[in-house]
């Protein structure tokens, strides 16, 4: 028996948003760690990010980054990017084209930082930005920080490096793998267009 979303646009969208919303709080969700691809001309690059927010009302996805990351200048040059999600058990792939905005030291980052836990804040306490060359293998952290020997108050130092990338969804492509026959659909949010695609 095929699921309700096999050949129904409304059910497909319902399933996509359920999986995206679930991924924000469910650490075992396979949609929690999408591949984020950004770049410009000959300099495209992909990396795994952690989905931190899913907002269906505003068609928005969100993740955190160090403001010194090399993805930041890439996004400043070209704010169009894509996110790739895949759930092996559900046999569902979702490709999302987005338009990104970088938030740094503003109300968006203040709200997200206040919800960022002690362990996660460690990432933003490195002396040099991600990708900086080093003469030795390193986490980039001082030994006491590596061992979590710091207070929440001390972790506030990391806020200056903290940024939130908001991804406004432009289009969604859905692929469902089924023995009866795969199904693929595209949703263009700007003009509210829905169509079936050959898988």
C-alpha atoms as a PDB file:
ATOM      1  CA  UNK A   1       0.000   0.000   0.000  1.00  0.00           C
ATOM      2  CA  UNK A   2       1.385   3.374  -1.014  1.00  0.00           C
ATOM      3  CA  UNK A   3       1.492   6.279   1.491  1.00  0.00           C
ATOM      4  CA  UNK A   4      -0.926   9.205   1.236  1.00  0.00           C
ATOM      5  CA  UNK A   5       1.830  11.376  -0.269  1.00  0.00           C
ATOM      6  CA  UNK A   6       2.503   9.024  -3.207  1.00  0.00           C
ATOM      7  CA  UNK A   7       0.474  11.073  -5.723  1.00  0.00           C
ATOM      8  CA  UNK A   8      -0.910  14.030  -3.799  1.00  0.00           C
ATOM      9  CA  UNK A   9       0.763  17.466  -3.772  1.00  0.00           C
ATOM     10  CA  UNK A  10      -0.907  18.514  -0.537  1.00  0.00           C
ATOM     11  CA  UNK A  11       0.190  15.358   1.281  1.00  0.00           C
ATOM     12  CA  UNK A  12       3.736  15.655  -0.106  1.00  0.00           C
ATOM     13  CA  UNK A  13       4.096  19.198   1.247  1.00  0.00           C
ATOM     14  CA  UNK A  14       2.615  18.083   4.564  1.00  0.00           C
ATOM     15  CA  UNK A  15       5.183  15.253   4.779  1.00  0.00           C
ATOM     16  CA  UNK A  16       8.121  17.522   3.822  1.00  0.00           C
ATOM     17  CA  UNK A  17       7.297  20.107   6.478  1.00  0.00           C
ATOM     18  CA  UNK A  18       6.719  17.415   9.093  1.00  0.00           C
ATOM     19  CA  UNK A  19      10.180  15.979   8.393  1.00  0.00           C
ATOM     20  CA  UNK A  20      11.830  19.418   8.442  1.00  0.00           C
ATOM     21  CA  UNK A  21      10.118  20.477  11.670  1.00  0.00           C
ATOM     22  CA  UNK A  22      10.851  17.150  13.358  1.00  0.00           C
ATOM     23  CA  UNK A  23      14.546  17.468  12.442  1.00  0.00           C
ATOM     24  CA  UNK A  24      14.943  20.642  14.510  1.00  0.00           C
ATOM     25  CA  UNK A  25      14.289  18.820  17.800  1.00  0.00           C
ATOM     26  CA  UNK A  26      14.816  15.144  16.905  1.00  0.00           C
ATOM     27  CA  UNK A  27      18.552  14.389  17.015  1.00  0.00           C
ATOM     28  CA  UNK A  28      18.047  11.044  15.264  1.00  0.00           C
ATOM     29  CA  UNK A  29      16.183  12.570  12.308  1.00  0.00           C
ATOM     30  CA  UNK A  30      18.030  12.055   9.041  1.00  0.00           C
ATOM     31  CA  UNK A  31      16.855  15.509   7.949  1.00  0.00           C
ATOM     32  CA  UNK A  32      18.697  17.122  10.873  1.00  0.00           C
ATOM     33  CA  UNK A  33      22.042  17.216   9.020  1.00  0.00           C
ATOM     34  CA  UNK A  34      21.481  18.429   5.454  1.00  0.00           C
ATOM     35  CA  UNK A  35      24.210  19.175   2.932  1.00  0.00           C
ATOM     36  CA  UNK A  36      24.403  22.927   2.322  1.00  0.00           C
ATOM     37  CA  UNK A  37      25.908  23.951  -1.027  1.00  0.00           C
ATOM     38  CA  UNK A  38      26.973  27.502  -1.805  1.00  0.00           C
ATOM     39  CA  UNK A  39      29.518  29.303  -3.935  1.00  0.00           C
ATOM     40  CA  UNK A  40      30.090  31.451  -6.950  1.00  0.00           C
ATOM     41  CA  UNK A  41      31.245  30.609 -10.490  1.00  0.00           C
ATOM     42  CA  UNK A  42      34.030  27.999 -10.090  1.00  0.00           C
ATOM     43  CA  UNK A  43      34.063  27.999  -6.307  1.00  0.00           C
ATOM     44  CA  UNK A  44      31.089  25.895  -5.204  1.00  0.00           C
ATOM     45  CA  UNK A  45      31.431  23.982  -1.976  1.00  0.00           C
ATOM     46  CA  UNK A  46      29.246  21.727   0.182  1.00  0.00           C
ATOM     47  CA  UNK A  47      29.215  20.982   3.875  1.00  0.00           C
ATOM     48  CA  UNK A  48      26.988  19.392   6.510  1.00  0.00           C
ATOM     49  CA  UNK A  49      25.051  21.842   8.688  1.00  0.00           C
ATOM     50  CA  UNK A  50      22.672  21.343  11.609  1.00  0.00           C
ATOM     51  CA  UNK A  51      19.098  22.410  10.930  1.00  0.00           C
ATOM     52  CA  UNK A  52      18.151  24.761  13.776  1.00  0.00           C
ATOM     53  CA  UNK A  53      14.798  26.163  12.661  1.00  0.00           C
ATOM     54  CA  UNK A  54      11.988  25.249  10.288  1.00  0.00           C
ATOM     55  CA  UNK A  55       9.344  27.917   9.710  1.00  0.00           C
ATOM     56  CA  UNK A  56       6.598  26.869   7.298  1.00  0.00           C
ATOM     57  CA  UNK A  57       4.651  30.121   7.660  1.00  0.00           C
ATOM     58  CA  UNK A  58       7.593  32.153   6.345  1.00  0.00           C
ATOM     59  CA  UNK A  59       9.118  29.372   4.177  1.00  0.00           C
ATOM     60  CA  UNK A  60      12.339  29.664   6.131  1.00  0.00           C
ATOM     61  CA  UNK A  61      15.089  27.285   7.258  1.00  0.00           C
ATOM     62  CA  UNK A  62      17.927  28.292   9.549  1.00  0.00           C
ATOM     63  CA  UNK A  63      21.331  27.095  10.755  1.00  0.00           C
ATOM     64  CA  UNK A  64      24.265  28.513  12.720  1.00  0.00           C
ATOM     65  CA  UNK A  65      27.762  29.397  11.523  1.00  0.00           C
ATOM     66  CA  UNK A  66      30.981  31.019  12.659  1.00  0.00           C
ATOM     67  CA  UNK A  67      31.080  34.471  11.028  1.00  0.00           C
ATOM     68  CA  UNK A  68      34.734  33.736  10.097  1.00  0.00           C
ATOM     69  CA  UNK A  69      33.803  30.627   8.081  1.00  0.00           C
ATOM     70  CA  UNK A  70      34.705  30.653   4.382  1.00  0.00           C
ATOM     71  CA  UNK A  71      31.041  30.127   3.532  1.00  0.00           C
ATOM     72  CA  UNK A  72      30.320  33.706   4.670  1.00  0.00           C
ATOM     73  CA  UNK A  73      32.190  35.521   1.847  1.00  0.00           C
ATOM     74  CA  UNK A  74      30.734  32.976  -0.589  1.00  0.00           C
ATOM     75  CA  UNK A  75      27.213  33.887   0.545  1.00  0.00           C
ATOM     76  CA  UNK A  76      28.001  37.594   0.399  1.00  0.00           C
ATOM     77  CA  UNK A  77      29.002  37.142  -3.258  1.00  0.00           C
ATOM     78  CA  UNK A  78      26.071  34.867  -4.100  1.00  0.00           C
ATOM     79  CA  UNK A  79      23.150  34.507  -1.701  1.00  0.00           C
ATOM     80  CA  UNK A  80      21.539  31.700  -3.739  1.00  0.00           C
ATOM     81  CA  UNK A  81      22.340  28.255  -2.331  1.00  0.00           C
ATOM     82  CA  UNK A  82      20.828  24.798  -2.000  1.00  0.00           C
ATOM     83  CA  UNK A  83      20.132  22.288   0.732  1.00  0.00           C
ATOM     84  CA  UNK A  84      19.994  18.531   0.240  1.00  0.00           C
ATOM     85  CA  UNK A  85      18.125  16.216   2.599  1.00  0.00           C
ATOM     86  CA  UNK A  86      17.884  12.422   2.389  1.00  0.00           C
ATOM     87  CA  UNK A  87      16.172   9.863   4.598  1.00  0.00           C
ATOM     88  CA  UNK A  88      17.256   6.325   3.734  1.00  0.00           C
ATOM     89  CA  UNK A  89      14.453   4.639   5.677  1.00  0.00           C
ATOM     90  CA  UNK A  90      11.704   6.872   4.312  1.00  0.00           C
ATOM     91  CA  UNK A  91      13.311   6.708   0.821  1.00  0.00           C
ATOM     92  CA  UNK A  92      12.754  10.436   0.497  1.00  0.00           C
ATOM     93  CA  UNK A  93      15.133  12.994  -0.982  1.00  0.00           C
ATOM     94  CA  UNK A  94      14.376  16.710  -0.779  1.00  0.00           C
ATOM     95  CA  UNK A  95      16.389  19.350  -2.658  1.00  0.00           C
ATOM     96  CA  UNK A  96      15.676  22.936  -1.654  1.00  0.00           C
ATOM     97  CA  UNK A  97      16.859  26.095  -3.417  1.00  0.00           C
ATOM     98  CA  UNK A  98      17.207  29.007  -1.017  1.00  0.00           C
ATOM     99  CA  UNK A  99      18.127  32.672  -0.803  1.00  0.00           C
ATOM    100  CA  UNK A 100      20.339  33.287   2.217  1.00  0.00           C
ATOM    101  CA  UNK A 101      20.728  36.169   4.614  1.00  0.00           C
ATOM    102  CA  UNK A 102      23.576  36.426   7.113  1.00  0.00           C
ATOM    103  CA  UNK A 103      22.705  37.553  10.624  1.00  0.00           C
ATOM    104  CA  UNK A 104      25.468  38.771  12.938  1.00  0.00           C
ATOM    105  CA  UNK A 105      25.122  40.628  16.213  1.00  0.00           C
ATOM    106  CA  UNK A 106      21.429  41.389  15.754  1.00  0.00           C
ATOM    107  CA  UNK A 107      18.079  40.347  17.240  1.00  0.00           C
ATOM    108  CA  UNK A 108      18.059  37.058  15.294  1.00  0.00           C
ATOM    109  CA  UNK A 109      21.465  36.019  16.630  1.00  0.00           C
ATOM    110  CA  UNK A 110      20.643  37.191  20.164  1.00  0.00           C
ATOM    111  CA  UNK A 111      17.567  34.969  20.232  1.00  0.00           C
ATOM    112  CA  UNK A 112      19.401  31.940  18.812  1.00  0.00           C
ATOM    113  CA  UNK A 113      22.469  32.429  21.026  1.00  0.00           C
ATOM    114  CA  UNK A 114      20.286  32.492  24.139  1.00  0.00           C
ATOM    115  CA  UNK A 115      19.047  29.002  23.171  1.00  0.00           C
ATOM    116  CA  UNK A 116      22.537  27.673  22.355  1.00  0.00           C
ATOM    117  CA  UNK A 117      23.801  25.361  25.074  1.00  0.00           C
ATOM    118  CA  UNK A 118      27.114  25.248  26.897  1.00  0.00           C
ATOM    119  CA  UNK A 119      28.554  22.407  24.777  1.00  0.00           C
ATOM    120  CA  UNK A 120      27.544  23.968  21.451  1.00  0.00           C
ATOM    121  CA  UNK A 121      29.007  27.363  22.348  1.00  0.00           C
ATOM    122  CA  UNK A 122      32.481  25.822  22.425  1.00  0.00           C
ATOM    123  CA  UNK A 123      32.557  25.906  18.598  1.00  0.00           C
ATOM    124  CA  UNK A 124      32.638  29.716  18.633  1.00  0.00           C
ATOM    125  CA  UNK A 125      35.468  30.044  21.156  1.00  0.00           C
ATOM    126  CA  UNK A 126      38.280  29.057  18.758  1.00  0.00           C
ATOM    127  CA  UNK A 127      40.999  31.734  18.469  1.00  0.00           C
ATOM    128  CA  UNK A 128      41.148  31.530  14.685  1.00  0.00           C
ATOM    129  CA  UNK A 129      38.304  30.968  12.239  1.00  0.00           C
ATOM    130  CA  UNK A 130      37.365  27.568  10.792  1.00  0.00           C
ATOM    131  CA  UNK A 131      39.689  26.555   7.964  1.00  0.00           C
ATOM    132  CA  UNK A 132      42.667  28.573   9.239  1.00  0.00           C
ATOM    133  CA  UNK A 133      45.966  26.750   8.539  1.00  0.00           C
ATOM    134  CA  UNK A 134      47.777  25.295  11.551  1.00  0.00           C
ATOM    135  CA  UNK A 135      51.275  23.851  12.013  1.00  0.00           C
ATOM    136  CA  UNK A 136      49.883  21.126  14.308  1.00  0.00           C
ATOM    137  CA  UNK A 137      46.701  19.031  14.525  1.00  0.00           C
ATOM    138  CA  UNK A 138      44.327  21.127  16.604  1.00  0.00           C
ATOM    139  CA  UNK A 139      40.750  21.763  17.642  1.00  0.00           C
ATOM    140  CA  UNK A 140      41.628  25.469  17.609  1.00  0.00           C
ATOM    141  CA  UNK A 141      40.739  25.719  21.283  1.00  0.00           C
ATOM    142  CA  UNK A 142      42.844  26.363  24.360  1.00  0.00           C
ATOM    143  CA  UNK A 143      43.215  23.136  26.476  1.00  0.00           C
ATOM    144  CA  UNK A 144      40.811  24.331  29.185  1.00  0.00           C
ATOM    145  CA  UNK A 145      38.141  25.027  26.580  1.00  0.00           C
ATOM    146  CA  UNK A 146      38.716  21.660  24.910  1.00  0.00           C
ATOM    147  CA  UNK A 147      37.922  20.035  28.265  1.00  0.00           C
ATOM    148  CA  UNK A 148      34.789  22.151  28.791  1.00  0.00           C
ATOM    149  CA  UNK A 149      36.494  23.903  31.687  1.00  0.00           C
ATOM    150  CA  UNK A 150      34.579  27.121  31.153  1.00  0.00           C
ATOM    151  CA  UNK A 151      31.389  28.647  32.505  1.00  0.00           C
ATOM    152  CA  UNK A 152      28.341  29.792  30.578  1.00  0.00           C
ATOM    153  CA  UNK A 153      29.418  33.332  31.454  1.00  0.00           C
ATOM    154  CA  UNK A 154      32.850  32.741  29.909  1.00  0.00           C
ATOM    155  CA  UNK A 155      31.183  31.242  26.827  1.00  0.00           C
ATOM    156  CA  UNK A 156      29.639  34.637  26.081  1.00  0.00           C
ATOM    157  CA  UNK A 157      32.997  35.522  24.497  1.00  0.00           C
ATOM    158  CA  UNK A 158      31.974  33.299  21.577  1.00  0.00           C
ATOM    159  CA  UNK A 159      28.968  35.434  20.686  1.00  0.00           C
ATOM    160  CA  UNK A 160      31.088  37.813  18.594  1.00  0.00           C
ATOM    161  CA  UNK A 161      31.842  34.889  16.242  1.00  0.00           C
ATOM    162  CA  UNK A 162      28.279  33.531  16.131  1.00  0.00           C
ATOM    163  CA  UNK A 163      26.061  34.005  13.096  1.00  0.00           C
ATOM    164  CA  UNK A 164      22.709  32.698  11.929  1.00  0.00           C
ATOM    165  CA  UNK A 165      22.120  31.877   8.274  1.00  0.00           C
ATOM    166  CA  UNK A 166      18.461  32.246   7.329  1.00  0.00           C
ATOM    167  CA  UNK A 167      17.449  30.429   4.161  1.00  0.00           C
ATOM    168  CA  UNK A 168      14.336  31.682   2.389  1.00  0.00           C
ATOM    169  CA  UNK A 169      12.951  28.797   0.342  1.00  0.00           C
ATOM    170  CA  UNK A 170      12.531  29.484  -3.379  1.00  0.00           C
ATOM    171  CA  UNK A 171      11.724  25.973  -4.599  1.00  0.00           C
ATOM    172  CA  UNK A 172      11.496  22.397  -3.351  1.00  0.00           C
ATOM    173  CA  UNK A 173      12.092  19.201  -5.310  1.00  0.00           C
ATOM    174  CA  UNK A 174      10.811  15.985  -3.808  1.00  0.00           C
ATOM    175  CA  UNK A 175      11.815  12.439  -4.788  1.00  0.00           C
ATOM    176  CA  UNK A 176      10.189   9.345  -3.330  1.00  0.00           C
ATOM    177  CA  UNK A 177      11.709   5.965  -4.177  1.00  0.00           C
ATOM    178  CA  UNK A 178       9.092   3.231  -4.465  1.00  0.00           C
ATOM    179  CA  UNK A 179       9.151  -0.279  -5.939  1.00  0.00           C
ATOM    180  CA  UNK A 180       5.822   0.419  -7.649  1.00  0.00           C
ATOM    181  CA  UNK A 181       7.415   3.425  -9.358  1.00  0.00           C
ATOM    182  CA  UNK A 182       9.326   6.454  -8.095  1.00  0.00           C
ATOM    183  CA  UNK A 183       7.562   9.805  -7.827  1.00  0.00           C
ATOM    184  CA  UNK A 184       9.094  13.260  -8.204  1.00  0.00           C
ATOM    185  CA  UNK A 185       7.559  16.710  -7.858  1.00  0.00           C
ATOM    186  CA  UNK A 186       8.635  20.344  -7.812  1.00  0.00           C
ATOM    187  CA  UNK A 187       7.107  23.212  -5.840  1.00  0.00           C
ATOM    188  CA  UNK A 188       8.000  26.781  -6.818  1.00  0.00           C
ATOM    189  CA  UNK A 189       7.083  29.000  -3.900  1.00  0.00           C
ATOM    190  CA  UNK A 190       7.399  32.414  -5.571  1.00  0.00           C
ATOM    191  CA  UNK A 191       4.679  31.710  -8.122  1.00  0.00           C
ATOM    192  CA  UNK A 192       2.919  28.898  -6.244  1.00  0.00           C
ATOM    193  CA  UNK A 193       3.502  26.444  -9.112  1.00  0.00           C
ATOM    194  CA  UNK A 194       3.360  22.673  -8.604  1.00  0.00           C
ATOM    195  CA  UNK A 195       4.320  20.064 -11.158  1.00  0.00           C
ATOM    196  CA  UNK A 196       5.212  16.418 -11.514  1.00  0.00           C
ATOM    197  CA  UNK A 197       8.648  15.460 -12.861  1.00  0.00           C
ATOM    198  CA  UNK A 198       9.970  12.240 -14.339  1.00  0.00           C
ATOM    199  CA  UNK A 199      12.058  10.681 -11.523  1.00  0.00           C
END
